Protein backbone atom coordinates (compact mmCIF):
# COMPACT_ATOMS: atom_id res chain seq x y z
CA UNK A 1 19.78 27.65 38.56
CA UNK A 2 22.17 29.81 36.52
CA UNK A 3 23.78 26.66 35.10
CA UNK A 4 20.41 25.28 34.04
CA UNK A 5 19.48 28.55 32.29
CA UNK A 6 22.87 28.57 30.48
CA UNK A 7 22.34 24.97 29.33
CA UNK A 8 18.84 25.73 28.06
CA UNK A 9 20.04 28.88 26.27
CA UNK A 10 22.96 26.92 24.83
CA UNK A 11 20.66 24.18 23.51
CA UNK A 12 18.24 26.76 22.05
CA UNK A 13 21.16 28.55 20.36
CA UNK A 14 22.45 25.29 18.85
CA UNK A 15 18.93 24.42 17.70
CA UNK A 16 18.54 27.81 16.00
CA UNK A 17 21.87 27.32 14.24
CA UNK A 18 21.06 23.78 13.07
CA UNK A 19 17.49 24.53 11.95
CA UNK A 20 18.48 26.37 8.75
CA UNK A 21 20.90 23.55 7.87
CA UNK A 22 18.23 20.86 8.27
CA UNK A 23 15.78 22.88 6.18
CA UNK A 24 18.50 23.29 3.52
CA UNK A 25 19.01 19.51 3.48
CA UNK A 26 15.53 18.99 1.99
CA UNK A 27 14.51 19.04 -1.65
CA UNK A 28 15.74 21.99 -3.66
CA UNK A 29 13.36 24.22 -5.59
CA UNK A 30 13.93 24.61 -9.32
CA UNK A 31 15.12 22.60 -12.31
CA UNK A 32 16.77 19.21 -11.77
CA UNK A 33 18.19 16.51 -14.05
CA UNK A 34 19.46 13.00 -13.45
CA UNK A 35 19.59 9.38 -14.42
CA UNK A 36 18.65 5.98 -13.03
CA UNK A 37 19.49 2.37 -13.72
CA UNK A 38 17.55 -0.67 -12.65
CA UNK A 39 15.55 -3.64 -13.80
CA UNK A 40 12.45 -3.81 -15.98
CA UNK A 41 9.88 -6.61 -16.05
CA UNK A 42 7.56 -7.33 -18.94
CA UNK A 43 4.72 -9.87 -18.61
CA UNK A 44 2.25 -10.61 -21.41
CA UNK A 45 -0.06 -13.33 -22.67
CA UNK A 46 0.90 -14.38 -26.21
CA UNK A 47 -0.58 -16.93 -28.62
CA UNK A 48 1.94 -19.65 -27.74
CA UNK A 49 1.87 -19.12 -23.96
CA UNK A 50 2.92 -16.42 -21.56
CA UNK A 51 5.88 -14.05 -21.68
CA UNK A 52 7.66 -13.10 -18.45
CA UNK A 53 11.22 -11.78 -18.33
CA UNK A 54 13.46 -9.07 -16.84
CA UNK A 55 16.30 -7.01 -18.24
CA UNK A 56 18.52 -4.10 -17.28
CA UNK A 57 16.78 -0.77 -17.85
CA UNK A 58 17.80 2.87 -17.57
CA UNK A 59 16.29 6.34 -17.79
CA UNK A 60 17.28 9.99 -18.04
CA UNK A 61 14.94 12.46 -16.38
CA UNK A 62 14.46 16.13 -15.66
CA UNK A 63 11.86 18.24 -13.98
CA UNK A 64 10.89 21.23 -11.93
CA UNK A 65 10.25 21.16 -8.17
CA UNK A 66 8.02 24.09 -7.19
CA UNK A 67 8.77 23.85 -3.43
CA UNK A 68 5.81 25.93 -2.30
CA UNK A 69 5.47 24.52 1.19
CA UNK A 70 8.12 23.52 3.75
CA UNK A 71 7.16 19.83 4.00
CA UNK A 72 5.64 19.28 0.54
CA UNK A 73 7.26 18.68 -2.85
CA UNK A 74 5.12 19.36 -5.92
CA UNK A 75 6.41 19.30 -9.46
CA UNK A 76 6.51 17.94 -12.97
CA UNK A 77 8.97 15.42 -14.37
CA UNK A 78 9.73 14.13 -17.86
CA UNK A 79 11.89 11.15 -18.77
CA UNK A 80 13.22 8.99 -21.56
CA UNK A 81 13.66 5.33 -20.66
CA UNK A 82 14.95 2.16 -22.26
CA UNK A 83 13.34 -0.99 -20.82
CA UNK A 84 16.11 -3.18 -22.30
CA UNK A 85 15.21 -6.28 -24.29
CA UNK A 86 13.63 -8.96 -22.12
CA UNK A 87 13.53 -12.34 -23.90
CA UNK A 88 11.67 -15.53 -23.06
CA UNK A 89 11.88 -18.93 -24.72
CA UNK A 90 9.10 -21.44 -25.08
CA UNK A 91 8.25 -24.29 -27.48
CA UNK A 92 11.64 -24.00 -29.19
CA UNK A 93 11.09 -20.33 -29.95
CA UNK A 94 12.56 -17.15 -28.53
CA UNK A 95 10.39 -14.06 -28.11
CA UNK A 96 12.00 -10.71 -27.25
CA UNK A 97 10.46 -7.32 -26.62
CA UNK A 98 12.58 -4.16 -26.91
CA UNK A 99 10.68 -1.15 -25.53
CA UNK A 100 11.40 2.55 -24.97
CA UNK A 101 9.21 5.42 -23.79
CA UNK A 102 8.94 9.14 -23.25
CA UNK A 103 7.07 9.93 -20.03
CA UNK A 104 5.50 12.98 -18.40
CA UNK A 105 4.47 12.91 -14.72
CA UNK A 106 3.02 15.22 -12.14
CA UNK A 107 4.29 14.37 -8.66
CA UNK A 108 3.74 15.18 -5.02
CA UNK A 109 5.78 14.16 -2.02
CA UNK A 110 6.46 14.71 1.64
CA UNK A 111 9.88 15.77 2.84
CA UNK A 112 11.35 15.22 6.27
CA UNK A 113 14.64 17.12 6.19
CA UNK A 114 16.96 15.26 3.84
CA UNK A 115 14.56 12.30 3.44
CA UNK A 116 11.38 12.24 1.41
CA UNK A 117 8.79 10.03 -0.21
CA UNK A 118 6.87 10.77 -3.39
CA UNK A 119 4.23 9.48 -5.77
CA UNK A 120 3.72 10.39 -9.41
CA UNK A 121 1.03 9.96 -12.01
CA UNK A 122 1.28 10.61 -15.71
CA UNK A 123 1.40 9.28 -19.24
CA UNK A 124 3.87 7.22 -21.25
CA UNK A 125 4.42 7.44 -25.02
CA UNK A 126 5.97 4.05 -25.80
CA UNK A 127 7.42 2.15 -28.73
CA UNK A 128 7.98 -1.63 -28.72
CA UNK A 129 9.72 -3.97 -31.18
CA UNK A 130 8.59 -7.58 -30.81
CA UNK A 131 10.81 -10.27 -32.32
CA UNK A 132 10.09 -14.00 -32.60
CA UNK A 133 12.99 -16.30 -33.51
CA UNK A 134 11.85 -19.72 -34.73
CA UNK A 135 13.54 -22.69 -36.40
CA UNK A 136 12.16 -21.45 -39.72
CA UNK A 137 13.22 -17.80 -39.41
CA UNK A 138 12.67 -14.53 -37.66
CA UNK A 139 9.44 -12.53 -37.46
CA UNK A 140 9.20 -8.99 -36.12
CA UNK A 141 6.53 -6.42 -35.44
CA UNK A 142 6.45 -2.88 -34.09
CA UNK A 143 3.76 -1.30 -31.93
CA UNK A 144 3.46 2.09 -30.27
CA UNK A 145 0.95 4.07 -28.28
CA UNK A 146 0.41 6.15 -25.17
CA UNK A 147 -0.98 4.90 -21.91
CA UNK A 148 -1.14 5.85 -18.19
CA UNK A 149 1.82 5.35 -15.85
CA UNK A 150 2.44 5.82 -12.12
CA UNK A 151 5.26 5.49 -9.64
CA UNK A 152 6.31 5.71 -6.01
CA UNK A 153 9.71 6.38 -4.53
CA UNK A 154 11.96 7.62 -1.78
CA UNK A 155 14.80 10.08 -1.87
CA UNK A 156 17.71 11.37 0.18
CA UNK A 157 18.98 14.86 -0.64
CA UNK A 158 21.85 16.95 0.66
CA UNK A 159 22.29 20.39 -0.85
CA UNK A 160 21.73 19.99 -4.59
CA UNK A 161 22.50 16.26 -4.86
CA UNK A 162 19.62 13.79 -4.61
CA UNK A 163 19.70 9.98 -4.49
CA UNK A 164 16.45 8.16 -5.21
CA UNK A 165 14.91 4.73 -5.51
CA UNK A 166 11.69 4.21 -7.46
CA UNK A 167 9.13 1.68 -8.57
CA UNK A 168 7.18 2.63 -11.71
CA UNK A 169 4.40 0.80 -13.54
CA UNK A 170 3.22 1.31 -17.12
CA UNK A 171 -0.05 0.26 -18.75
CA UNK A 172 1.51 -0.53 -22.13
CA UNK A 173 -0.69 -1.96 -24.88
CA UNK A 174 -1.72 -5.59 -24.47
CA UNK A 175 0.81 -6.43 -21.74
CA UNK A 176 -0.18 -7.67 -18.30
CA UNK A 177 2.65 -5.87 -16.49
CA UNK A 178 5.45 -3.51 -17.48
CA UNK A 179 7.35 -2.18 -14.49
CA UNK A 180 10.75 -0.80 -13.51
CA UNK A 181 12.70 -0.69 -10.23
CA UNK A 182 15.60 1.77 -10.26
CA UNK A 183 18.27 3.59 -8.29
CA UNK A 184 19.39 7.00 -9.45
CA UNK A 185 20.79 10.41 -8.74
CA UNK A 186 19.80 13.95 -9.69
CA UNK A 187 21.29 17.43 -9.43
CA UNK A 188 19.23 20.58 -8.84
CA UNK A 189 20.55 23.62 -10.70
């Protein structure tokens, strides 16, 4: 009986020692900054057909995690992103779209120790250069605006370092789909 009580007390003691470490492994409260790289997709209906292409994309982001509750992340996040320059050829012509945006999101997530999932909703202020290369010459146009955006993701965080993967979608102008998959890292200060 004494051995069983010692084992139980030993396990409880170890649990009490590990509990603060597992809580510390979750999302940090405060300002964070980071970057991500991934792939963007732009799909649109154009006069000569449909446009559908991918390119390498990247973003720099920063935000504030309020950390009010033990299992809940709530915050704001801003980012600058470059969607790359997807290009698609059809009917002997090459159409390319080079797009960038500034974004502002509110987000909420659940954290389970070092792991977490999150969703975000916000707005994107975008700028797009559209170029059409034909046999006769080159035509270009510029368009800009602001439209809704949303995203979902997962993260793994130890101390102040966070790794994340995200899918984000943007309702940009007359496009059918503008989206970005990315992998990134952030540091909480």
